[in-house]
Amino acid sequence: MSQPDRKDLVLVVDDSPDSLGMIHQALEQADLTALLALDGQQALNIAEKMVPDLILLDAMMPRMDGFETCRQLKNRPPLAPIPVIFMTGLSDAEDVVRGLEAGGVDYVTKPVRPSELIARIRVHLTNARQTQSARSALDRFAQAAFSTGRDGRWQWATPQAEQLLNDDAGNRDKRLALLARHIEDWLARAPQPSDLHTVSDGDTAFRLRFLGEVTAGEFLFRIHQHDEEEGAERLRAQLRLTPREAQVLLWIAQGKTNREIGQILTLSPRTVNKHLEQVFRKLGVENRTSAAAMALGCLGV
């Protein structure tokens, strides 16, 4: 989200000019750039033109309140990843839950204490940058990955995941609902990173791998295509490799570097290289080109 050549950009949404002025001053003193909006619709318009790194959102505003504003932000893919901190004078736990269910990551109570506010902003900006780095890596390495909340609803997905989810019959919404039900139940059983789970809609089966909780309440998954799994299994059986060696060889055959394979299989490049050394030994070859050629022969490519 944020770029190294500019200050972090924070959109502040509040119907009180006095609150906006006080928060604007605190952000400037903290070397953050502030954008100001007096209502929810104005905030949506500004966010679409100048995508902020974080949004401070007043919960109670006339016309469109903060909860609805947040829901609309989260329904717009370019804006959905932006962390939203609610500002509210409400002390009822139910209202705090409403903010979190709408897509907020945190809340502060009014009157806002500038030092606490800036500290919370720093934490969520750091988390957002780390999450964005992970998403960029998944995009770069063409991974079919997506994240959900604890309820299983998609929060973000790579283009590859979207492509697998869509079909000519227009089953996207049906498949999203099916995945949400399975994932909510799966998360309730506390899966461990790398655990697998199969979801079928009768026509298509999705093999999901749980990658972990990337931020509080956001869980990352990868969709495994059966062609990939079948290819690795064929290499394992025909070349007498371990399952992990077969996976490494499969990606070598597709021209991936050790670093790229490490990203795909969640291994260090050094570990990938150790597996590759064993592959060379078992196949009786000396380099990647020869290993890839043998793998492609087994796969009938």
C-alpha atoms as a PDB file:
ATOM      1  CA  MET A   1       0.000   0.000   0.000  1.00  0.00           C
ATOM      2  CA  SER A   2       2.388   2.659   1.152  1.00  0.00           C
ATOM      3  CA  GLN A   3       5.271   3.701  -1.057  1.00  0.00           C
ATOM      4  CA  PRO A   4       8.776   4.461   0.209  1.00  0.00           C
ATOM      5  CA  ASP A   5       8.856   7.880  -1.469  1.00  0.00           C
ATOM      6  CA  ARG A   6       5.831   9.316   0.339  1.00  0.00           C
ATOM      7  CA  LYS A   7       4.351   9.598   3.808  1.00  0.00           C
ATOM      8  CA  ASP A   8       1.650   7.185   4.905  1.00  0.00           C
ATOM      9  CA  LEU A   9      -1.767   8.499   3.931  1.00  0.00           C
ATOM     10  CA  VAL A  10      -4.568   8.387   6.522  1.00  0.00           C
ATOM     11  CA  LEU A  11      -8.183   9.189   5.645  1.00  0.00           C
ATOM     12  CA  VAL A  12     -10.083  10.627   8.641  1.00  0.00           C
ATOM     13  CA  VAL A  13     -13.886  10.494   8.465  1.00  0.00           C
ATOM     14  CA  ASP A  14     -15.886  12.418  11.084  1.00  0.00           C
ATOM     15  CA  ASP A  15     -18.886  14.742  10.934  1.00  0.00           C
ATOM     16  CA  SER A  16     -17.352  16.960  13.633  1.00  0.00           C
ATOM     17  CA  PRO A  17     -15.014  19.661  12.252  1.00  0.00           C
ATOM     18  CA  ASP A  18     -13.475  20.040  15.723  1.00  0.00           C
ATOM     19  CA  SER A  19     -12.554  16.346  15.855  1.00  0.00           C
ATOM     20  CA  LEU A  20     -11.157  16.489  12.332  1.00  0.00           C
ATOM     21  CA  GLY A  21      -8.993  19.464  13.245  1.00  0.00           C
ATOM     22  CA  MET A  22      -7.591  17.846  16.374  1.00  0.00           C
ATOM     23  CA  ILE A  23      -6.826  14.533  14.645  1.00  0.00           C
ATOM     24  CA  HIS A  24      -5.360  16.311  11.613  1.00  0.00           C
ATOM     25  CA  GLN A  25      -2.907  18.123  13.884  1.00  0.00           C
ATOM     26  CA  ALA A  26      -1.927  14.905  15.678  1.00  0.00           C
ATOM     27  CA  LEU A  27      -1.291  13.121  12.380  1.00  0.00           C
ATOM     28  CA  GLU A  28       0.835  15.963  11.042  1.00  0.00           C
ATOM     29  CA  GLN A  29       2.952  15.965  14.205  1.00  0.00           C
ATOM     30  CA  ALA A  30       3.455  12.220  13.709  1.00  0.00           C
ATOM     31  CA  ASP A  31       4.666  12.847  10.117  1.00  0.00           C
ATOM     32  CA  LEU A  32       1.545  11.297   8.573  1.00  0.00           C
ATOM     33  CA  THR A  33      -0.478  12.846   5.747  1.00  0.00           C
ATOM     34  CA  ALA A  34      -4.188  13.324   6.475  1.00  0.00           C
ATOM     35  CA  LEU A  35      -7.149  13.357   4.107  1.00  0.00           C
ATOM     36  CA  LEU A  36     -10.411  14.637   5.660  1.00  0.00           C
ATOM     37  CA  ALA A  37     -14.034  13.691   4.985  1.00  0.00           C
ATOM     38  CA  LEU A  38     -17.196  14.866   6.771  1.00  0.00           C
ATOM     39  CA  ASP A  39     -19.448  11.931   5.819  1.00  0.00           C
ATOM     40  CA  GLY A  40     -19.394   8.387   4.532  1.00  0.00           C
ATOM     41  CA  GLN A  41     -20.150   9.108   0.882  1.00  0.00           C
ATOM     42  CA  GLN A  42     -17.459  11.767   0.726  1.00  0.00           C
ATOM     43  CA  ALA A  43     -15.028   9.262   2.260  1.00  0.00           C
ATOM     44  CA  LEU A  44     -15.845   6.661  -0.420  1.00  0.00           C
ATOM     45  CA  ASN A  45     -15.328   9.229  -3.177  1.00  0.00           C
ATOM     46  CA  ILE A  46     -11.973  10.358  -1.765  1.00  0.00           C
ATOM     47  CA  ALA A  47     -10.757   6.793  -1.155  1.00  0.00           C
ATOM     48  CA  GLU A  48     -11.426   5.806  -4.772  1.00  0.00           C
ATOM     49  CA  LYS A  49      -9.382   8.745  -6.058  1.00  0.00           C
ATOM     50  CA  MET A  50      -6.520   8.665  -3.542  1.00  0.00           C
ATOM     51  CA  VAL A  51      -6.313   5.202  -1.983  1.00  0.00           C
ATOM     52  CA  PRO A  52      -5.256   5.730   1.655  1.00  0.00           C
ATOM     53  CA  ASP A  53      -3.026   3.418   3.694  1.00  0.00           C
ATOM     54  CA  LEU A  54      -5.440   3.493   6.655  1.00  0.00           C
ATOM     55  CA  ILE A  55      -8.873   4.903   7.469  1.00  0.00           C
ATOM     56  CA  LEU A  56     -10.027   6.411  10.788  1.00  0.00           C
ATOM     57  CA  LEU A  57     -13.799   6.179  10.734  1.00  0.00           C
ATOM     58  CA  ASP A  58     -16.361   7.745  13.074  1.00  0.00           C
ATOM     59  CA  ALA A  59     -19.017   5.161  13.904  1.00  0.00           C
ATOM     60  CA  MET A  60     -21.967   7.528  14.362  1.00  0.00           C
ATOM     61  CA  MET A  61     -22.613   9.913  11.472  1.00  0.00           C
ATOM     62  CA  PRO A  62     -25.829  11.167   9.833  1.00  0.00           C
ATOM     63  CA  ARG A  63     -27.111   9.619   6.583  1.00  0.00           C
ATOM     64  CA  MET A  64     -24.487   6.878   6.150  1.00  0.00           C
ATOM     65  CA  ASP A  65     -23.021   5.762   9.480  1.00  0.00           C
ATOM     66  CA  GLY A  66     -19.518   4.366   9.902  1.00  0.00           C
ATOM     67  CA  PHE A  67     -20.673   0.737   9.895  1.00  0.00           C
ATOM     68  CA  GLU A  68     -22.323   1.050   6.477  1.00  0.00           C
ATOM     69  CA  THR A  69     -19.404   3.096   5.149  1.00  0.00           C
ATOM     70  CA  CYS A  70     -17.015   0.342   6.186  1.00  0.00           C
ATOM     71  CA  ARG A  71     -19.173  -2.360   4.599  1.00  0.00           C
ATOM     72  CA  GLN A  72     -19.202  -0.447   1.317  1.00  0.00           C
ATOM     73  CA  LEU A  73     -15.420  -0.014   1.464  1.00  0.00           C
ATOM     74  CA  LYS A  74     -14.943  -3.741   1.962  1.00  0.00           C
ATOM     75  CA  ASN A  75     -17.220  -4.493  -1.016  1.00  0.00           C
ATOM     76  CA  ARG A  76     -14.928  -2.540  -3.367  1.00  0.00           C
ATOM     77  CA  PRO A  77     -11.912  -4.771  -4.210  1.00  0.00           C
ATOM     78  CA  PRO A  78      -9.320  -1.961  -4.566  1.00  0.00           C
ATOM     79  CA  LEU A  79     -10.317  -0.560  -1.141  1.00  0.00           C
ATOM     80  CA  ALA A  80     -11.064  -3.789   0.747  1.00  0.00           C
ATOM     81  CA  PRO A  81      -7.494  -4.355   2.081  1.00  0.00           C
ATOM     82  CA  ILE A  82      -7.303  -0.921   3.739  1.00  0.00           C
ATOM     83  CA  PRO A  83      -7.308  -1.270   7.551  1.00  0.00           C
ATOM     84  CA  VAL A  84     -10.167   0.636   9.198  1.00  0.00           C
ATOM     85  CA  ILE A  85      -9.999   1.888  12.799  1.00  0.00           C
ATOM     86  CA  PHE A  86     -13.349   2.956  14.237  1.00  0.00           C
ATOM     87  CA  MET A  87     -13.622   6.043  16.426  1.00  0.00           C
ATOM     88  CA  THR A  88     -16.620   5.957  18.706  1.00  0.00           C
ATOM     89  CA  GLY A  89     -18.022   7.334  21.917  1.00  0.00           C
ATOM     90  CA  LEU A  90     -20.022   4.153  22.304  1.00  0.00           C
ATOM     91  CA  SER A  91     -18.996   1.938  25.182  1.00  0.00           C
ATOM     92  CA  ASP A  92     -21.483  -0.890  24.541  1.00  0.00           C
ATOM     93  CA  ALA A  93     -19.613  -4.056  23.560  1.00  0.00           C
ATOM     94  CA  GLU A  94     -22.326  -4.803  21.003  1.00  0.00           C
ATOM     95  CA  ASP A  95     -21.439  -1.650  19.055  1.00  0.00           C
ATOM     96  CA  VAL A  96     -17.742  -2.512  19.143  1.00  0.00           C
ATOM     97  CA  VAL A  97     -18.596  -5.946  17.714  1.00  0.00           C
ATOM     98  CA  ARG A  98     -20.668  -4.266  14.984  1.00  0.00           C
ATOM     99  CA  GLY A  99     -17.608  -2.314  13.919  1.00  0.00           C
ATOM    100  CA  LEU A 100     -15.416  -5.396  13.783  1.00  0.00           C
ATOM    101  CA  GLU A 101     -18.062  -7.378  11.913  1.00  0.00           C
ATOM    102  CA  ALA A 102     -18.333  -4.563   9.371  1.00  0.00           C
ATOM    103  CA  GLY A 103     -14.638  -5.030   8.591  1.00  0.00           C
ATOM    104  CA  GLY A 104     -12.833  -2.830  11.121  1.00  0.00           C
ATOM    105  CA  VAL A 105      -9.518  -3.986  12.562  1.00  0.00           C
ATOM    106  CA  ASP A 106      -9.598  -1.890  15.749  1.00  0.00           C
ATOM    107  CA  TYR A 107     -11.409   0.908  17.562  1.00  0.00           C
ATOM    108  CA  VAL A 108     -10.597   3.876  19.788  1.00  0.00           C
ATOM    109  CA  THR A 109     -13.033   5.628  22.086  1.00  0.00           C
ATOM    110  CA  LYS A 110     -13.751   9.341  22.106  1.00  0.00           C
ATOM    111  CA  PRO A 111     -12.410  11.650  23.271  1.00  0.00           C
ATOM    112  CA  VAL A 112      -9.463  10.382  21.259  1.00  0.00           C
ATOM    113  CA  ARG A 113      -6.080  10.362  23.002  1.00  0.00           C
ATOM    114  CA  PRO A 114      -3.546  11.363  20.310  1.00  0.00           C
ATOM    115  CA  SER A 115      -0.645   9.269  21.656  1.00  0.00           C
ATOM    116  CA  GLU A 116      -2.786   6.101  21.805  1.00  0.00           C
ATOM    117  CA  LEU A 117      -4.260   6.801  18.376  1.00  0.00           C
ATOM    118  CA  ILE A 118      -0.846   7.228  16.730  1.00  0.00           C
ATOM    119  CA  ALA A 119       0.458   4.054  18.382  1.00  0.00           C
ATOM    120  CA  ARG A 120      -2.488   2.039  17.051  1.00  0.00           C
ATOM    121  CA  ILE A 121      -2.077   3.552  13.595  1.00  0.00           C
ATOM    122  CA  ARG A 122       1.614   2.570  13.520  1.00  0.00           C
ATOM    123  CA  VAL A 123       0.790  -1.037  14.438  1.00  0.00           C
ATOM    124  CA  HIS A 124      -1.875  -1.413  11.766  1.00  0.00           C
ATOM    125  CA  LEU A 125       0.205   0.284   9.077  1.00  0.00           C
ATOM    126  CA  THR A 126       3.013  -2.188   9.785  1.00  0.00           C
ATOM    127  CA  ASN A 127       0.607  -5.143   9.663  1.00  0.00           C
ATOM    128  CA  ALA A 128      -0.889  -3.870   6.408  1.00  0.00           C
ATOM    129  CA  ARG A 129       2.548  -3.553   4.793  1.00  0.00           C
ATOM    130  CA  GLN A 130       3.469  -7.099   5.798  1.00  0.00           C
ATOM    131  CA  THR A 131       0.188  -8.447   4.470  1.00  0.00           C
ATOM    132  CA  GLN A 132       0.597  -6.523   1.211  1.00  0.00           C
ATOM    133  CA  SER A 133       4.101  -7.952   0.780  1.00  0.00           C
ATOM    134  CA  ALA A 134       2.737 -11.475   1.162  1.00  0.00           C
ATOM    135  CA  ARG A 135      -0.052 -10.766  -1.314  1.00  0.00           C
ATOM    136  CA  SER A 136       2.384  -9.304  -3.835  1.00  0.00           C
ATOM    137  CA  ALA A 137       4.564 -12.403  -3.572  1.00  0.00           C
ATOM    138  CA  LEU A 138       1.579 -14.680  -4.134  1.00  0.00           C
ATOM    139  CA  ASP A 139       0.517 -12.624  -7.149  1.00  0.00           C
ATOM    140  CA  ARG A 140       4.040 -12.644  -8.545  1.00  0.00           C
ATOM    141  CA  PHE A 141       4.406 -16.403  -8.267  1.00  0.00           C
ATOM    142  CA  ALA A 142       0.975 -17.015  -9.817  1.00  0.00           C
ATOM    143  CA  GLN A 143      -0.499 -18.624  -6.723  1.00  0.00           C
ATOM    144  CA  ALA A 144      -4.223 -19.330  -6.421  1.00  0.00           C
ATOM    145  CA  ALA A 145      -4.517 -17.917  -2.898  1.00  0.00           C
ATOM    146  CA  PHE A 146      -7.172 -16.080  -0.921  1.00  0.00           C
ATOM    147  CA  SER A 147      -7.880 -14.876   2.596  1.00  0.00           C
ATOM    148  CA  THR A 148     -11.049 -15.000   4.672  1.00  0.00           C
ATOM    149  CA  GLY A 149     -12.390 -13.904   8.015  1.00  0.00           C
ATOM    150  CA  ARG A 150     -13.300 -16.431  10.672  1.00  0.00           C
ATOM    151  CA  ASP A 151     -16.730 -16.685   9.010  1.00  0.00           C
ATOM    152  CA  GLY A 152     -15.113 -18.021   5.838  1.00  0.00           C
ATOM    153  CA  ARG A 153     -16.083 -15.086   3.632  1.00  0.00           C
ATOM    154  CA  TRP A 154     -13.427 -13.984   1.125  1.00  0.00           C
ATOM    155  CA  GLN A 155     -11.586 -10.777   1.961  1.00  0.00           C
ATOM    156  CA  TRP A 156      -8.991 -10.868  -0.805  1.00  0.00           C
ATOM    157  CA  ALA A 157      -7.892 -13.210  -3.600  1.00  0.00           C
ATOM    158  CA  THR A 158      -5.206 -13.421  -6.269  1.00  0.00           C
ATOM    159  CA  PRO A 159      -6.355 -13.321  -9.910  1.00  0.00           C
ATOM    160  CA  GLN A 160      -5.503 -17.032 -10.172  1.00  0.00           C
ATOM    161  CA  ALA A 161      -7.909 -17.892  -7.343  1.00  0.00           C
ATOM    162  CA  GLU A 162     -10.651 -15.781  -8.914  1.00  0.00           C
ATOM    163  CA  GLN A 163     -10.095 -17.543 -12.228  1.00  0.00           C
ATOM    164  CA  LEU A 164     -10.492 -20.978 -10.632  1.00  0.00           C
ATOM    165  CA  LEU A 165     -13.639 -19.864  -8.842  1.00  0.00           C
ATOM    166  CA  ASN A 166     -15.380 -18.496 -11.932  1.00  0.00           C
ATOM    167  CA  ASP A 167     -16.936 -20.653 -14.635  1.00  0.00           C
ATOM    168  CA  ASP A 168     -19.162 -20.198 -17.671  1.00  0.00           C
ATOM    169  CA  ALA A 169     -22.219 -21.347 -15.720  1.00  0.00           C
ATOM    170  CA  GLY A 170     -22.019 -18.376 -13.345  1.00  0.00           C
ATOM    171  CA  ASN A 171     -21.520 -20.427 -10.185  1.00  0.00           C
ATOM    172  CA  ARG A 172     -19.199 -17.945  -8.443  1.00  0.00           C
ATOM    173  CA  ASP A 173     -21.615 -16.878  -5.686  1.00  0.00           C
ATOM    174  CA  LYS A 174     -22.679 -20.471  -5.067  1.00  0.00           C
ATOM    175  CA  ARG A 175     -19.058 -21.595  -4.789  1.00  0.00           C
ATOM    176  CA  LEU A 176     -18.177 -18.692  -2.471  1.00  0.00           C
ATOM    177  CA  ALA A 177     -21.025 -19.658  -0.152  1.00  0.00           C
ATOM    178  CA  LEU A 178     -19.931 -23.310  -0.205  1.00  0.00           C
ATOM    179  CA  LEU A 179     -16.319 -22.404   0.576  1.00  0.00           C
ATOM    180  CA  ALA A 180     -17.431 -20.073   3.377  1.00  0.00           C
ATOM    181  CA  ARG A 181     -19.395 -22.836   5.103  1.00  0.00           C
ATOM    182  CA  HIS A 182     -16.532 -25.322   4.859  1.00  0.00           C
ATOM    183  CA  ILE A 183     -13.871 -22.838   5.932  1.00  0.00           C
ATOM    184  CA  GLU A 184     -15.870 -21.557   8.925  1.00  0.00           C
ATOM    185  CA  ASP A 185     -16.261 -25.142  10.131  1.00  0.00           C
ATOM    186  CA  TRP A 186     -12.607 -25.937   9.385  1.00  0.00           C
ATOM    187  CA  LEU A 187     -11.307 -22.905  11.285  1.00  0.00           C
ATOM    188  CA  ALA A 188     -13.448 -23.867  14.283  1.00  0.00           C
ATOM    189  CA  ARG A 189     -11.382 -27.074  14.467  1.00  0.00           C
ATOM    190  CA  ALA A 190      -8.108 -25.066  14.687  1.00  0.00           C
ATOM    191  CA  PRO A 191      -6.236 -26.334  11.602  1.00  0.00           C
ATOM    192  CA  GLN A 192      -2.445 -26.147  11.526  1.00  0.00           C
ATOM    193  CA  PRO A 193      -0.465 -24.469   8.717  1.00  0.00           C
ATOM    194  CA  SER A 194      -0.084 -26.839   5.718  1.00  0.00           C
ATOM    195  CA  ASP A 195      -3.222 -28.843   6.640  1.00  0.00           C
ATOM    196  CA  LEU A 196      -5.335 -29.821   3.606  1.00  0.00           C
ATOM    197  CA  HIS A 197      -9.098 -29.875   3.142  1.00  0.00           C
ATOM    198  CA  THR A 198     -11.218 -30.836   0.113  1.00  0.00           C
ATOM    199  CA  VAL A 199     -14.392 -28.956  -0.862  1.00  0.00           C
ATOM    200  CA  SER A 200     -16.645 -30.231  -3.670  1.00  0.00           C
ATOM    201  CA  ASP A 201     -19.641 -28.572  -5.319  1.00  0.00           C
ATOM    202  CA  GLY A 202     -20.591 -31.702  -7.227  1.00  0.00           C
ATOM    203  CA  ASP A 203     -18.907 -30.576 -10.446  1.00  0.00           C
ATOM    204  CA  THR A 204     -15.563 -29.269  -9.229  1.00  0.00           C
ATOM    205  CA  ALA A 205     -13.407 -30.216  -6.251  1.00  0.00           C
ATOM    206  CA  PHE A 206     -11.226 -27.626  -4.544  1.00  0.00           C
ATOM    207  CA  ARG A 207      -8.231 -28.824  -2.548  1.00  0.00           C
ATOM    208  CA  LEU A 208      -7.404 -26.143   0.047  1.00  0.00           C
ATOM    209  CA  ARG A 209      -4.181 -25.744   1.993  1.00  0.00           C
ATOM    210  CA  PHE A 210      -4.287 -23.651   5.166  1.00  0.00           C
ATOM    211  CA  LEU A 211      -1.326 -21.240   5.224  1.00  0.00           C
ATOM    212  CA  GLY A 212      -1.989 -19.597   8.586  1.00  0.00           C
ATOM    213  CA  GLU A 213      -3.400 -16.473  10.226  1.00  0.00           C
ATOM    214  CA  VAL A 214      -1.708 -13.541   8.484  1.00  0.00           C
ATOM    215  CA  THR A 215      -3.225 -10.841  10.711  1.00  0.00           C
ATOM    216  CA  ALA A 216      -5.700 -10.970  13.587  1.00  0.00           C
ATOM    217  CA  GLY A 217      -8.870 -12.498  12.179  1.00  0.00           C
ATOM    218  CA  GLU A 218      -7.556 -12.920   8.615  1.00  0.00           C
ATOM    219  CA  PHE A 219      -6.712 -16.444   7.420  1.00  0.00           C
ATOM    220  CA  LEU A 220      -4.791 -17.352   4.287  1.00  0.00           C
ATOM    221  CA  PHE A 221      -5.485 -20.343   2.035  1.00  0.00           C
ATOM    222  CA  ARG A 222      -4.144 -21.705  -1.213  1.00  0.00           C
ATOM    223  CA  ILE A 223      -6.166 -23.631  -3.790  1.00  0.00           C
ATOM    224  CA  HIS A 224      -4.331 -26.677  -5.076  1.00  0.00           C
ATOM    225  CA  GLN A 225      -5.227 -27.788  -8.571  1.00  0.00           C
ATOM    226  CA  HIS A 226      -5.575 -31.528  -8.969  1.00  0.00           C
ATOM    227  CA  ASP A 227      -3.379 -31.486 -12.101  1.00  0.00           C
ATOM    228  CA  GLU A 228      -0.506 -30.245  -9.947  1.00  0.00           C
ATOM    229  CA  GLU A 229      -1.053 -32.899  -7.295  1.00  0.00           C
ATOM    230  CA  GLU A 230      -1.454 -35.665  -9.871  1.00  0.00           C
ATOM    231  CA  GLY A 231       1.744 -34.567 -11.618  1.00  0.00           C
ATOM    232  CA  ALA A 232       3.743 -34.680  -8.389  1.00  0.00           C
ATOM    233  CA  GLU A 233       2.283 -38.093  -7.537  1.00  0.00           C
ATOM    234  CA  ARG A 234       3.243 -39.425 -10.968  1.00  0.00           C
ATOM    235  CA  LEU A 235       6.818 -38.201 -10.556  1.00  0.00           C
ATOM    236  CA  ARG A 236       6.993 -39.677  -7.075  1.00  0.00           C
ATOM    237  CA  ALA A 237       5.808 -43.104  -8.213  1.00  0.00           C
ATOM    238  CA  GLN A 238       7.787 -43.343 -11.459  1.00  0.00           C
ATOM    239  CA  LEU A 239      11.060 -41.856 -10.226  1.00  0.00           C
ATOM    240  CA  ARG A 240      10.923 -43.189  -6.658  1.00  0.00           C
ATOM    241  CA  LEU A 241      11.112 -39.781  -5.026  1.00  0.00           C
ATOM    242  CA  THR A 242       9.761 -38.567  -1.714  1.00  0.00           C
ATOM    243  CA  PRO A 243       6.565 -36.482  -1.951  1.00  0.00           C
ATOM    244  CA  ARG A 244       8.522 -33.275  -1.302  1.00  0.00           C
ATOM    245  CA  GLU A 245      11.237 -34.162  -3.844  1.00  0.00           C
ATOM    246  CA  ALA A 246       8.496 -34.812  -6.409  1.00  0.00           C
ATOM    247  CA  GLN A 247       6.957 -31.393  -5.720  1.00  0.00           C
ATOM    248  CA  VAL A 248      10.326 -29.674  -6.113  1.00  0.00           C
ATOM    249  CA  LEU A 249      11.011 -31.519  -9.388  1.00  0.00           C
ATOM    250  CA  LEU A 250       7.553 -30.651 -10.715  1.00  0.00           C
ATOM    251  CA  TRP A 251       8.254 -26.943 -10.274  1.00  0.00           C
ATOM    252  CA  ILE A 252      11.782 -27.311 -11.674  1.00  0.00           C
ATOM    253  CA  ALA A 253      10.159 -28.749 -14.794  1.00  0.00           C
ATOM    254  CA  GLN A 254       8.028 -25.584 -14.981  1.00  0.00           C
ATOM    255  CA  GLY A 255      11.119 -23.362 -14.937  1.00  0.00           C
ATOM    256  CA  LYS A 256      10.876 -22.070 -11.377  1.00  0.00           C
ATOM    257  CA  THR A 257      13.962 -20.956  -9.443  1.00  0.00           C
ATOM    258  CA  ASN A 258      14.788 -22.260  -5.963  1.00  0.00           C
ATOM    259  CA  ARG A 259      13.546 -19.001  -4.488  1.00  0.00           C
ATOM    260  CA  GLU A 260      10.246 -19.224  -6.365  1.00  0.00           C
ATOM    261  CA  ILE A 261       9.790 -22.866  -5.365  1.00  0.00           C
ATOM    262  CA  GLY A 262      10.461 -21.899  -1.751  1.00  0.00           C
ATOM    263  CA  GLN A 263       7.693 -19.296  -1.954  1.00  0.00           C
ATOM    264  CA  ILE A 264       5.294 -21.815  -3.488  1.00  0.00           C
ATOM    265  CA  LEU A 265       6.019 -24.672  -1.061  1.00  0.00           C
ATOM    266  CA  THR A 266       6.743 -22.436   1.970  1.00  0.00           C
ATOM    267  CA  LEU A 267      10.333 -23.694   2.194  1.00  0.00           C
ATOM    268  CA  SER A 268      13.635 -21.854   2.432  1.00  0.00           C
ATOM    269  CA  PRO A 269      15.720 -21.778  -0.797  1.00  0.00           C
ATOM    270  CA  ARG A 270      18.388 -23.754   1.062  1.00  0.00           C
ATOM    271  CA  THR A 271      15.915 -26.536   1.883  1.00  0.00           C
ATOM    272  CA  VAL A 272      14.756 -26.574  -1.741  1.00  0.00           C
ATOM    273  CA  ASN A 273      18.378 -26.971  -2.834  1.00  0.00           C
ATOM    274  CA  LYS A 274      18.875 -29.931  -0.453  1.00  0.00           C
ATOM    275  CA  HIS A 275      15.838 -31.673  -1.940  1.00  0.00           C
ATOM    276  CA  LEU A 276      17.151 -30.912  -5.410  1.00  0.00           C
ATOM    277  CA  GLU A 277      20.516 -32.477  -4.614  1.00  0.00           C
ATOM    278  CA  GLN A 278      18.707 -35.678  -3.636  1.00  0.00           C
ATOM    279  CA  VAL A 279      16.682 -35.534  -6.850  1.00  0.00           C
ATOM    280  CA  PHE A 280      19.881 -35.234  -8.935  1.00  0.00           C
ATOM    281  CA  ARG A 281      21.384 -38.199  -7.105  1.00  0.00           C
ATOM    282  CA  LYS A 282      18.318 -40.411  -7.529  1.00  0.00           C
ATOM    283  CA  LEU A 283      17.872 -39.536 -11.195  1.00  0.00           C
ATOM    284  CA  GLY A 284      21.569 -39.814 -11.980  1.00  0.00           C
ATOM    285  CA  VAL A 285      21.723 -36.329 -13.531  1.00  0.00           C
ATOM    286  CA  GLU A 286      23.985 -33.374 -12.874  1.00  0.00           C
ATOM    287  CA  ASN A 287      21.877 -30.287 -13.552  1.00  0.00           C
ATOM    288  CA  ARG A 288      18.398 -28.777 -13.541  1.00  0.00           C
ATOM    289  CA  THR A 289      17.981 -29.005 -17.307  1.00  0.00           C
ATOM    290  CA  SER A 290      18.493 -32.750 -17.326  1.00  0.00           C
ATOM    291  CA  ALA A 291      16.211 -33.234 -14.325  1.00  0.00           C
ATOM    292  CA  ALA A 292      13.493 -31.097 -15.930  1.00  0.00           C
ATOM    293  CA  ALA A 293      13.763 -33.043 -19.186  1.00  0.00           C
ATOM    294  CA  MET A 294      13.343 -36.351 -17.347  1.00  0.00           C
ATOM    295  CA  ALA A 295      10.363 -34.988 -15.422  1.00  0.00           C
ATOM    296  CA  LEU A 296       8.658 -33.717 -18.573  1.00  0.00           C
ATOM    297  CA  GLY A 297       9.169 -37.125 -20.149  1.00  0.00           C
ATOM    298  CA  CYS A 298       7.422 -38.804 -17.222  1.00  0.00           C
ATOM    299  CA  LEU A 299       4.582 -36.325 -17.418  1.00  0.00           C
ATOM    300  CA  GLY A 300       4.186 -36.863 -21.147  1.00  0.00           C
ATOM    301  CA  VAL A 301       4.746 -33.194 -21.940  1.00  0.00           C
END
